């Protein structure tokens, strides 16, 4: 053993095992491949998320998390907000369908009342014209209740057909205009207003039943007068139910002729 070896520590002497120096290894980081040509901007843009994901665990966790786009949130919120308008549209559609069903049912009922009133009025008139001496005809016509069905139907149709502008169409005018100077009559029926009013099907139905009631009333008066005085009334009754003014004229002429013949006799 040499003098140099004696001066050395035992760990460094010949034959003693030597300790290897401690090597501290830095954490390996995935080196991001760089593009050789910097002009390819797409390569650099695609490598940046990869480097960030490899270098940071937090970034890697977020990489696997589901993406939540603000547009998606707005879409979902819009879908939630769209529920209320859809429900409102559904309620409006249901209300419109119910209103249409009610209008159809009312129209069907009005048509039935229209037909029934016509048949009833002409049936009573036929009894008075064709069977004036029958006891059933006399008992039915002498009662004022024979006009009640037509009056009730007319009242119902009038209530259904009445609208806020009905009175103004029948009697248009203004009190302020009437108080102005000069001759300025107001609340007089006008032909355009009457045409507008009776162009409505409910109002037209009520007008028809109104005419039936008035014509049957006039025919009943003819029948009762003819039965009392012995004046033939069948032709006048039939005319009255179709064209009432001519029926009234026919009854007046017939009655005058019968009276004259009676006086001569």
C-alpha atoms as a PDB file:
ATOM      1  CA  UNK A   1       0.000   0.000   0.000  1.00  0.00           C
ATOM      2  CA  UNK A   2       1.456   3.354  -0.942  1.00  0.00           C
ATOM      3  CA  UNK A   3       1.674   6.463   1.108  1.00  0.00           C
ATOM      4  CA  UNK A   4      -1.033   8.096  -1.017  1.00  0.00           C
ATOM      5  CA  UNK A   5      -3.411   5.304  -0.319  1.00  0.00           C
ATOM      6  CA  UNK A   6      -2.798   5.620   3.385  1.00  0.00           C
ATOM      7  CA  UNK A   7      -3.800   9.244   3.320  1.00  0.00           C
ATOM      8  CA  UNK A   8      -7.034   8.511   1.539  1.00  0.00           C
ATOM      9  CA  UNK A   9     -10.212   7.697   3.460  1.00  0.00           C
ATOM     10  CA  UNK A  10     -11.128   4.067   3.688  1.00  0.00           C
ATOM     11  CA  UNK A  11     -14.015   4.473   1.310  1.00  0.00           C
ATOM     12  CA  UNK A  12     -11.656   5.618  -1.427  1.00  0.00           C
ATOM     13  CA  UNK A  13      -8.918   3.143  -0.936  1.00  0.00           C
ATOM     14  CA  UNK A  14      -8.271   0.424  -3.409  1.00  0.00           C
ATOM     15  CA  UNK A  15     -10.534  -2.538  -2.993  1.00  0.00           C
ATOM     16  CA  UNK A  16     -13.259  -0.728  -1.105  1.00  0.00           C
ATOM     17  CA  UNK A  17     -16.511  -0.285  -2.846  1.00  0.00           C
ATOM     18  CA  UNK A  18     -17.099   3.166  -4.219  1.00  0.00           C
ATOM     19  CA  UNK A  19     -20.440   4.932  -3.836  1.00  0.00           C
ATOM     20  CA  UNK A  20     -22.037   6.150  -6.965  1.00  0.00           C
ATOM     21  CA  UNK A  21     -22.984   9.808  -7.033  1.00  0.00           C
ATOM     22  CA  UNK A  22     -26.701  10.452  -6.470  1.00  0.00           C
ATOM     23  CA  UNK A  23     -28.387  11.386  -9.675  1.00  0.00           C
ATOM     24  CA  UNK A  24     -31.570  13.423  -9.390  1.00  0.00           C
ATOM     25  CA  UNK A  25     -33.680  12.929 -12.384  1.00  0.00           C
ATOM     26  CA  UNK A  26     -36.032  15.655 -13.358  1.00  0.00           C
ATOM     27  CA  UNK A  27     -39.614  14.626 -14.192  1.00  0.00           C
ATOM     28  CA  UNK A  28     -39.876  13.652 -17.756  1.00  0.00           C
ATOM     29  CA  UNK A  29     -41.898  15.941 -19.846  1.00  0.00           C
ATOM     30  CA  UNK A  30     -43.196  15.016 -23.162  1.00  0.00           C
ATOM     31  CA  UNK A  31     -41.420  17.165 -25.565  1.00  0.00           C
ATOM     32  CA  UNK A  32     -43.770  18.534 -28.058  1.00  0.00           C
ATOM     33  CA  UNK A  33     -42.648  17.990 -31.582  1.00  0.00           C
ATOM     34  CA  UNK A  34     -41.991  21.173 -33.318  1.00  0.00           C
ATOM     35  CA  UNK A  35     -42.755  21.789 -36.857  1.00  0.00           C
ATOM     36  CA  UNK A  36     -39.758  22.127 -38.998  1.00  0.00           C
ATOM     37  CA  UNK A  37     -41.475  24.704 -41.114  1.00  0.00           C
ATOM     38  CA  UNK A  38     -42.956  27.511 -38.992  1.00  0.00           C
ATOM     39  CA  UNK A  39     -45.123  28.574 -41.864  1.00  0.00           C
ATOM     40  CA  UNK A  40     -47.408  25.608 -41.217  1.00  0.00           C
ATOM     41  CA  UNK A  41     -49.466  27.432 -38.561  1.00  0.00           C
ATOM     42  CA  UNK A  42     -51.934  24.584 -38.364  1.00  0.00           C
ATOM     43  CA  UNK A  43     -49.302  22.200 -36.962  1.00  0.00           C
ATOM     44  CA  UNK A  44     -48.265  24.624 -34.228  1.00  0.00           C
ATOM     45  CA  UNK A  45     -51.900  25.271 -33.298  1.00  0.00           C
ATOM     46  CA  UNK A  46     -52.622  21.540 -33.055  1.00  0.00           C
ATOM     47  CA  UNK A  47     -49.505  20.797 -30.920  1.00  0.00           C
ATOM     48  CA  UNK A  48     -50.175  23.444 -28.255  1.00  0.00           C
ATOM     49  CA  UNK A  49     -53.088  21.587 -26.554  1.00  0.00           C
ATOM     50  CA  UNK A  50     -51.021  18.363 -26.591  1.00  0.00           C
ATOM     51  CA  UNK A  51     -48.052  20.011 -24.764  1.00  0.00           C
ATOM     52  CA  UNK A  52     -50.350  21.624 -22.207  1.00  0.00           C
ATOM     53  CA  UNK A  53     -52.145  18.318 -21.600  1.00  0.00           C
ATOM     54  CA  UNK A  54     -48.878  16.407 -21.081  1.00  0.00           C
ATOM     55  CA  UNK A  55     -47.288  19.036 -18.854  1.00  0.00           C
ATOM     56  CA  UNK A  56     -50.261  19.714 -16.517  1.00  0.00           C
ATOM     57  CA  UNK A  57     -52.408  16.959 -14.936  1.00  0.00           C
ATOM     58  CA  UNK A  58     -55.179  19.462 -14.370  1.00  0.00           C
ATOM     59  CA  UNK A  59     -55.295  20.224 -18.044  1.00  0.00           C
ATOM     60  CA  UNK A  60     -55.422  16.510 -18.799  1.00  0.00           C
ATOM     61  CA  UNK A  61     -58.399  16.095 -16.500  1.00  0.00           C
ATOM     62  CA  UNK A  62     -60.235  18.903 -18.207  1.00  0.00           C
ATOM     63  CA  UNK A  63     -59.387  17.391 -21.538  1.00  0.00           C
ATOM     64  CA  UNK A  64     -61.388  14.279 -20.722  1.00  0.00           C
ATOM     65  CA  UNK A  65     -64.266  16.271 -19.165  1.00  0.00           C
ATOM     66  CA  UNK A  66     -67.345  16.796 -21.375  1.00  0.00           C
ATOM     67  CA  UNK A  67     -67.282  19.970 -23.364  1.00  0.00           C
ATOM     68  CA  UNK A  68     -69.844  22.562 -22.427  1.00  0.00           C
ATOM     69  CA  UNK A  69     -70.402  25.122 -25.061  1.00  0.00           C
ATOM     70  CA  UNK A  70     -72.022  28.481 -24.267  1.00  0.00           C
ATOM     71  CA  UNK A  71     -74.063  28.024 -27.399  1.00  0.00           C
ATOM     72  CA  UNK A  72     -75.300  24.702 -26.032  1.00  0.00           C
ATOM     73  CA  UNK A  73     -76.312  26.369 -22.774  1.00  0.00           C
ATOM     74  CA  UNK A  74     -78.134  29.061 -24.653  1.00  0.00           C
ATOM     75  CA  UNK A  75     -79.854  26.416 -26.744  1.00  0.00           C
ATOM     76  CA  UNK A  76     -80.990  24.514 -23.678  1.00  0.00           C
ATOM     77  CA  UNK A  77     -82.152  27.667 -21.977  1.00  0.00           C
ATOM     78  CA  UNK A  78     -84.018  28.659 -25.114  1.00  0.00           C
ATOM     79  CA  UNK A  79     -85.682  25.249 -25.175  1.00  0.00           C
ATOM     80  CA  UNK A  80     -86.776  25.726 -21.577  1.00  0.00           C
ATOM     81  CA  UNK A  81     -88.022  29.207 -22.311  1.00  0.00           C
ATOM     82  CA  UNK A  82     -89.861  27.905 -25.386  1.00  0.00           C
ATOM     83  CA  UNK A  83     -92.014  25.614 -23.228  1.00  0.00           C
ATOM     84  CA  UNK A  84     -94.230  28.498 -22.101  1.00  0.00           C
ATOM     85  CA  UNK A  85     -94.984  29.807 -25.632  1.00  0.00           C
ATOM     86  CA  UNK A  86     -95.703  26.272 -26.799  1.00  0.00           C
ATOM     87  CA  UNK A  87     -98.113  25.759 -23.897  1.00  0.00           C
ATOM     88  CA  UNK A  88     -99.783  29.090 -24.670  1.00  0.00           C
ATOM     89  CA  UNK A  89    -100.129  28.132 -28.326  1.00  0.00           C
ATOM     90  CA  UNK A  90    -101.608  24.784 -27.316  1.00  0.00           C
ATOM     91  CA  UNK A  91    -104.142  26.459 -25.017  1.00  0.00           C
ATOM     92  CA  UNK A  92    -105.050  28.954 -27.746  1.00  0.00           C
ATOM     93  CA  UNK A  93    -105.521  26.151 -30.248  1.00  0.00           C
ATOM     94  CA  UNK A  94    -107.723  24.245 -27.797  1.00  0.00           C
ATOM     95  CA  UNK A  95    -109.802  27.360 -27.126  1.00  0.00           C
ATOM     96  CA  UNK A  96    -110.166  28.009 -30.859  1.00  0.00           C
ATOM     97  CA  UNK A  97    -111.253  24.405 -31.440  1.00  0.00           C
ATOM     98  CA  UNK A  98    -113.809  24.651 -28.611  1.00  0.00           C
ATOM     99  CA  UNK A  99    -115.139  27.939 -30.020  1.00  0.00           C
ATOM    100  CA  UNK A 100    -115.417  26.432 -33.493  1.00  0.00           C
ATOM    101  CA  UNK A 101    -117.274  23.403 -32.098  1.00  0.00           C
ATOM    102  CA  UNK A 102    -119.658  25.673 -30.166  1.00  0.00           C
ATOM    103  CA  UNK A 103    -120.280  27.788 -33.272  1.00  0.00           C
ATOM    104  CA  UNK A 104    -120.983  24.682 -35.347  1.00  0.00           C
ATOM    105  CA  UNK A 105    -123.400  23.368 -32.713  1.00  0.00           C
ATOM    106  CA  UNK A 106    -125.160  26.739 -32.565  1.00  0.00           C
ATOM    107  CA  UNK A 107    -125.422  26.905 -36.340  1.00  0.00           C
ATOM    108  CA  UNK A 108    -126.926  23.425 -36.430  1.00  0.00           C
ATOM    109  CA  UNK A 109    -129.457  24.370 -33.743  1.00  0.00           C
ATOM    110  CA  UNK A 110    -130.378  27.580 -35.558  1.00  0.00           C
ATOM    111  CA  UNK A 111    -130.927  25.648 -38.780  1.00  0.00           C
ATOM    112  CA  UNK A 112    -133.220  23.220 -36.970  1.00  0.00           C
ATOM    113  CA  UNK A 113    -135.178  26.062 -35.357  1.00  0.00           C
ATOM    114  CA  UNK A 114    -135.431  27.786 -38.729  1.00  0.00           C
ATOM    115  CA  UNK A 115    -136.866  24.679 -40.384  1.00  0.00           C
ATOM    116  CA  UNK A 116    -139.185  23.835 -37.478  1.00  0.00           C
ATOM    117  CA  UNK A 117    -140.600  27.373 -37.389  1.00  0.00           C
ATOM    118  CA  UNK A 118    -141.272  27.303 -41.129  1.00  0.00           C
ATOM    119  CA  UNK A 119    -143.033  23.943 -40.966  1.00  0.00           C
ATOM    120  CA  UNK A 120    -145.110  24.991 -37.944  1.00  0.00           C
ATOM    121  CA  UNK A 121    -146.279  28.291 -39.418  1.00  0.00           C
ATOM    122  CA  UNK A 122    -147.268  26.804 -42.772  1.00  0.00           C
ATOM    123  CA  UNK A 123    -148.961  23.825 -41.093  1.00  0.00           C
ATOM    124  CA  UNK A 124    -151.206  26.137 -39.054  1.00  0.00           C
ATOM    125  CA  UNK A 125    -151.919  28.213 -42.154  1.00  0.00           C
ATOM    126  CA  UNK A 126    -152.798  25.079 -44.114  1.00  0.00           C
ATOM    127  CA  UNK A 127    -155.310  24.065 -41.434  1.00  0.00           C
ATOM    128  CA  UNK A 128    -156.949  27.484 -41.600  1.00  0.00           C
ATOM    129  CA  UNK A 129    -157.059  27.472 -45.411  1.00  0.00           C
ATOM    130  CA  UNK A 130    -157.974  23.838 -46.129  1.00  0.00           C
ATOM    131  CA  UNK A 131    -159.977  22.793 -43.041  1.00  0.00           C
ATOM    132  CA  UNK A 132    -161.584  25.987 -41.731  1.00  0.00           C
ATOM    133  CA  UNK A 133    -164.700  24.258 -40.341  1.00  0.00           C
ATOM    134  CA  UNK A 134    -162.880  21.505 -38.491  1.00  0.00           C
ATOM    135  CA  UNK A 135    -163.255  21.647 -34.717  1.00  0.00           C
ATOM    136  CA  UNK A 136    -159.542  21.007 -34.194  1.00  0.00           C
ATOM    137  CA  UNK A 137    -158.666  23.960 -36.370  1.00  0.00           C
ATOM    138  CA  UNK A 138    -161.066  26.245 -34.540  1.00  0.00           C
ATOM    139  CA  UNK A 139    -159.827  25.150 -31.119  1.00  0.00           C
ATOM    140  CA  UNK A 140    -156.175  25.632 -32.045  1.00  0.00           C
ATOM    141  CA  UNK A 141    -156.511  28.933 -33.883  1.00  0.00           C
ATOM    142  CA  UNK A 142    -158.845  30.620 -31.422  1.00  0.00           C
ATOM    143  CA  UNK A 143    -156.234  30.255 -28.672  1.00  0.00           C
ATOM    144  CA  UNK A 144    -153.628  33.035 -28.705  1.00  0.00           C
ATOM    145  CA  UNK A 145    -151.032  30.472 -27.676  1.00  0.00           C
ATOM    146  CA  UNK A 146    -150.869  29.334 -31.301  1.00  0.00           C
ATOM    147  CA  UNK A 147    -148.350  32.143 -31.849  1.00  0.00           C
ATOM    148  CA  UNK A 148    -146.259  31.366 -28.752  1.00  0.00           C
ATOM    149  CA  UNK A 149    -143.766  28.933 -30.356  1.00  0.00           C
ATOM    150  CA  UNK A 150    -142.799  31.420 -33.053  1.00  0.00           C
ATOM    151  CA  UNK A 151    -142.484  34.228 -30.523  1.00  0.00           C
ATOM    152  CA  UNK A 152    -140.183  32.152 -28.305  1.00  0.00           C
ATOM    153  CA  UNK A 153    -137.961  31.108 -31.208  1.00  0.00           C
ATOM    154  CA  UNK A 154    -137.751  34.700 -32.399  1.00  0.00           C
ATOM    155  CA  UNK A 155    -136.723  35.922 -28.959  1.00  0.00           C
ATOM    156  CA  UNK A 156    -133.981  33.297 -28.766  1.00  0.00           C
ATOM    157  CA  UNK A 157    -132.624  34.105 -32.223  1.00  0.00           C
ATOM    158  CA  UNK A 158    -132.781  37.818 -31.512  1.00  0.00           C
ATOM    159  CA  UNK A 159    -130.695  37.368 -28.357  1.00  0.00           C
ATOM    160  CA  UNK A 160    -128.133  35.287 -30.232  1.00  0.00           C
ATOM    161  CA  UNK A 161    -127.922  37.684 -33.178  1.00  0.00           C
ATOM    162  CA  UNK A 162    -127.692  40.884 -31.133  1.00  0.00           C
ATOM    163  CA  UNK A 163    -124.323  42.642 -31.410  1.00  0.00           C
ATOM    164  CA  UNK A 164    -123.038  45.989 -30.131  1.00  0.00           C
ATOM    165  CA  UNK A 165    -123.631  47.646 -33.504  1.00  0.00           C
ATOM    166  CA  UNK A 166    -127.115  46.212 -34.108  1.00  0.00           C
ATOM    167  CA  UNK A 167    -129.001  49.260 -32.851  1.00  0.00           C
ATOM    168  CA  UNK A 168    -126.725  51.686 -34.672  1.00  0.00           C
ATOM    169  CA  UNK A 169    -127.270  49.793 -37.926  1.00  0.00           C
ATOM    170  CA  UNK A 170    -131.050  49.834 -37.546  1.00  0.00           C
ATOM    171  CA  UNK A 171    -131.309  53.431 -36.313  1.00  0.00           C
ATOM    172  CA  UNK A 172    -128.107  55.275 -37.165  1.00  0.00           C
ATOM    173  CA  UNK A 173    -127.678  58.813 -35.949  1.00  0.00           C
ATOM    174  CA  UNK A 174    -126.333  61.114 -33.272  1.00  0.00           C
ATOM    175  CA  UNK A 175    -128.105  63.365 -30.813  1.00  0.00           C
ATOM    176  CA  UNK A 176    -125.427  66.025 -31.230  1.00  0.00           C
ATOM    177  CA  UNK A 177    -125.929  66.049 -34.991  1.00  0.00           C
ATOM    178  CA  UNK A 178    -129.686  66.314 -34.560  1.00  0.00           C
ATOM    179  CA  UNK A 179    -129.406  69.361 -32.296  1.00  0.00           C
ATOM    180  CA  UNK A 180    -127.479  71.310 -34.883  1.00  0.00           C
ATOM    181  CA  UNK A 181    -129.244  73.994 -36.863  1.00  0.00           C
ATOM    182  CA  UNK A 182    -131.408  73.155 -39.845  1.00  0.00           C
ATOM    183  CA  UNK A 183    -133.393  70.084 -40.777  1.00  0.00           C
ATOM    184  CA  UNK A 184    -131.188  67.177 -39.801  1.00  0.00           C
ATOM    185  CA  UNK A 185    -133.263  64.153 -38.723  1.00  0.00           C
ATOM    186  CA  UNK A 186    -131.427  61.400 -36.869  1.00  0.00           C
ATOM    187  CA  UNK A 187    -132.109  57.796 -35.865  1.00  0.00           C
ATOM    188  CA  UNK A 188    -133.717  56.985 -39.183  1.00  0.00           C
ATOM    189  CA  UNK A 189    -133.231  53.542 -40.783  1.00  0.00           C
ATOM    190  CA  UNK A 190    -130.846  53.520 -43.711  1.00  0.00           C
ATOM    191  CA  UNK A 191    -130.742  51.032 -46.559  1.00  0.00           C
ATOM    192  CA  UNK A 192    -126.978  50.347 -46.306  1.00  0.00           C
ATOM    193  CA  UNK A 193    -127.329  49.668 -42.583  1.00  0.00           C
ATOM    194  CA  UNK A 194    -130.251  47.295 -43.127  1.00  0.00           C
ATOM    195  CA  UNK A 195    -128.329  45.432 -45.839  1.00  0.00           C
ATOM    196  CA  UNK A 196    -125.312  45.080 -43.550  1.00  0.00           C
ATOM    197  CA  UNK A 197    -127.440  43.909 -40.653  1.00  0.00           C
ATOM    198  CA  UNK A 198    -129.356  41.229 -42.527  1.00  0.00           C
ATOM    199  CA  UNK A 199    -126.245  39.902 -44.249  1.00  0.00           C
ATOM    200  CA  UNK A 200    -125.479  38.094 -40.977  1.00  0.00           C
ATOM    201  CA  UNK A 201    -126.916  34.591 -40.922  1.00  0.00           C
ATOM    202  CA  UNK A 202    -128.193  34.747 -37.331  1.00  0.00           C
ATOM    203  CA  UNK A 203    -129.930  38.051 -37.976  1.00  0.00           C
ATOM    204  CA  UNK A 204    -131.380  36.700 -41.220  1.00  0.00           C
ATOM    205  CA  UNK A 205    -132.769  33.687 -39.352  1.00  0.00           C
ATOM    206  CA  UNK A 206    -134.372  35.918 -36.730  1.00  0.00           C
ATOM    207  CA  UNK A 207    -135.841  38.103 -39.516  1.00  0.00           C
ATOM    208  CA  UNK A 208    -137.411  35.066 -41.179  1.00  0.00           C
ATOM    209  CA  UNK A 209    -139.029  33.876 -37.944  1.00  0.00           C
ATOM    210  CA  UNK A 210    -140.186  37.454 -37.333  1.00  0.00           C
ATOM    211  CA  UNK A 211    -141.910  37.469 -40.719  1.00  0.00           C
ATOM    212  CA  UNK A 212    -143.482  34.072 -40.039  1.00  0.00           C
ATOM    213  CA  UNK A 213    -144.904  35.259 -36.718  1.00  0.00           C
ATOM    214  CA  UNK A 214    -146.330  38.466 -38.178  1.00  0.00           C
ATOM    215  CA  UNK A 215    -147.774  36.691 -41.238  1.00  0.00           C
ATOM    216  CA  UNK A 216    -149.359  33.988 -39.118  1.00  0.00           C
ATOM    217  CA  UNK A 217    -150.861  36.619 -36.837  1.00  0.00           C
ATOM    218  CA  UNK A 218    -152.395  38.391 -39.841  1.00  0.00           C
ATOM    219  CA  UNK A 219    -153.667  35.080 -41.282  1.00  0.00           C
ATOM    220  CA  UNK A 220    -155.216  34.185 -37.913  1.00  0.00           C
ATOM    221  CA  UNK A 221    -157.058  37.500 -37.788  1.00  0.00           C
ATOM    222  CA  UNK A 222    -158.364  36.860 -41.298  1.00  0.00           C
ATOM    223  CA  UNK A 223    -159.526  33.399 -40.341  1.00  0.00           C
ATOM    224  CA  UNK A 224    -161.323  34.547 -37.194  1.00  0.00           C
ATOM    225  CA  UNK A 225    -163.007  37.406 -39.017  1.00  0.00           C
ATOM    226  CA  UNK A 226    -164.043  35.238 -41.927  1.00  0.00           C
ATOM    227  CA  UNK A 227    -165.401  32.549 -39.592  1.00  0.00           C
ATOM    228  CA  UNK A 228    -167.445  35.155 -37.766  1.00  0.00           C
ATOM    229  CA  UNK A 229    -168.789  36.984 -40.819  1.00  0.00           C
ATOM    230  CA  UNK A 230    -168.949  34.075 -43.240  1.00  0.00           C
ATOM    231  CA  UNK A 231    -166.273  35.482 -45.552  1.00  0.00           C
ATOM    232  CA  UNK A 232    -164.098  33.011 -47.507  1.00  0.00           C
ATOM    233  CA  UNK A 233    -160.502  33.451 -46.441  1.00  0.00           C
ATOM    234  CA  UNK A 234    -158.537  30.479 -47.785  1.00  0.00           C
ATOM    235  CA  UNK A 235    -157.027  32.371 -50.740  1.00  0.00           C
ATOM    236  CA  UNK A 236    -156.202  35.405 -48.599  1.00  0.00           C
ATOM    237  CA  UNK A 237    -154.532  33.207 -45.931  1.00  0.00           C
ATOM    238  CA  UNK A 238    -152.322  31.497 -48.495  1.00  0.00           C
ATOM    239  CA  UNK A 239    -151.361  34.833 -50.015  1.00  0.00           C
ATOM    240  CA  UNK A 240    -150.683  36.265 -46.565  1.00  0.00           C
ATOM    241  CA  UNK A 241    -148.238  33.492 -45.675  1.00  0.00           C
ATOM    242  CA  UNK A 242    -146.295  34.045 -48.899  1.00  0.00           C
ATOM    243  CA  UNK A 243    -146.690  37.776 -49.603  1.00  0.00           C
ATOM    244  CA  UNK A 244    -148.498  39.335 -46.652  1.00  0.00           C
ATOM    245  CA  UNK A 245    -149.375  42.755 -48.138  1.00  0.00           C
ATOM    246  CA  UNK A 246    -151.143  41.150 -51.102  1.00  0.00           C
ATOM    247  CA  UNK A 247    -152.919  38.763 -48.735  1.00  0.00           C
ATOM    248  CA  UNK A 248    -154.215  41.690 -46.694  1.00  0.00           C
ATOM    249  CA  UNK A 249    -155.394  43.409 -49.869  1.00  0.00           C
ATOM    250  CA  UNK A 250    -157.106  40.220 -51.035  1.00  0.00           C
ATOM    251  CA  UNK A 251    -158.941  39.850 -47.733  1.00  0.00           C
ATOM    252  CA  UNK A 252    -160.090  43.478 -47.793  1.00  0.00           C
ATOM    253  CA  UNK A 253    -161.434  43.152 -51.341  1.00  0.00           C
ATOM    254  CA  UNK A 254    -163.166  39.818 -50.589  1.00  0.00           C
ATOM    255  CA  UNK A 255    -164.780  41.167 -47.434  1.00  0.00           C
ATOM    256  CA  UNK A 256    -166.061  44.263 -49.239  1.00  0.00           C
ATOM    257  CA  UNK A 257    -167.518  42.130 -52.040  1.00  0.00           C
ATOM    258  CA  UNK A 258    -169.316  39.825 -49.600  1.00  0.00           C
ATOM    259  CA  UNK A 259    -170.805  42.753 -47.715  1.00  0.00           C
ATOM    260  CA  UNK A 260    -172.068  44.340 -50.916  1.00  0.00           C
ATOM    261  CA  UNK A 261    -173.676  41.119 -52.067  1.00  0.00           C
ATOM    262  CA  UNK A 262    -175.295  40.707 -48.642  1.00  0.00           C
ATOM    263  CA  UNK A 263    -176.780  44.200 -48.759  1.00  0.00           C
ATOM    264  CA  UNK A 264    -178.255  43.631 -52.182  1.00  0.00           C
ATOM    265  CA  UNK A 265    -179.831  40.470 -51.016  1.00  0.00           C
END
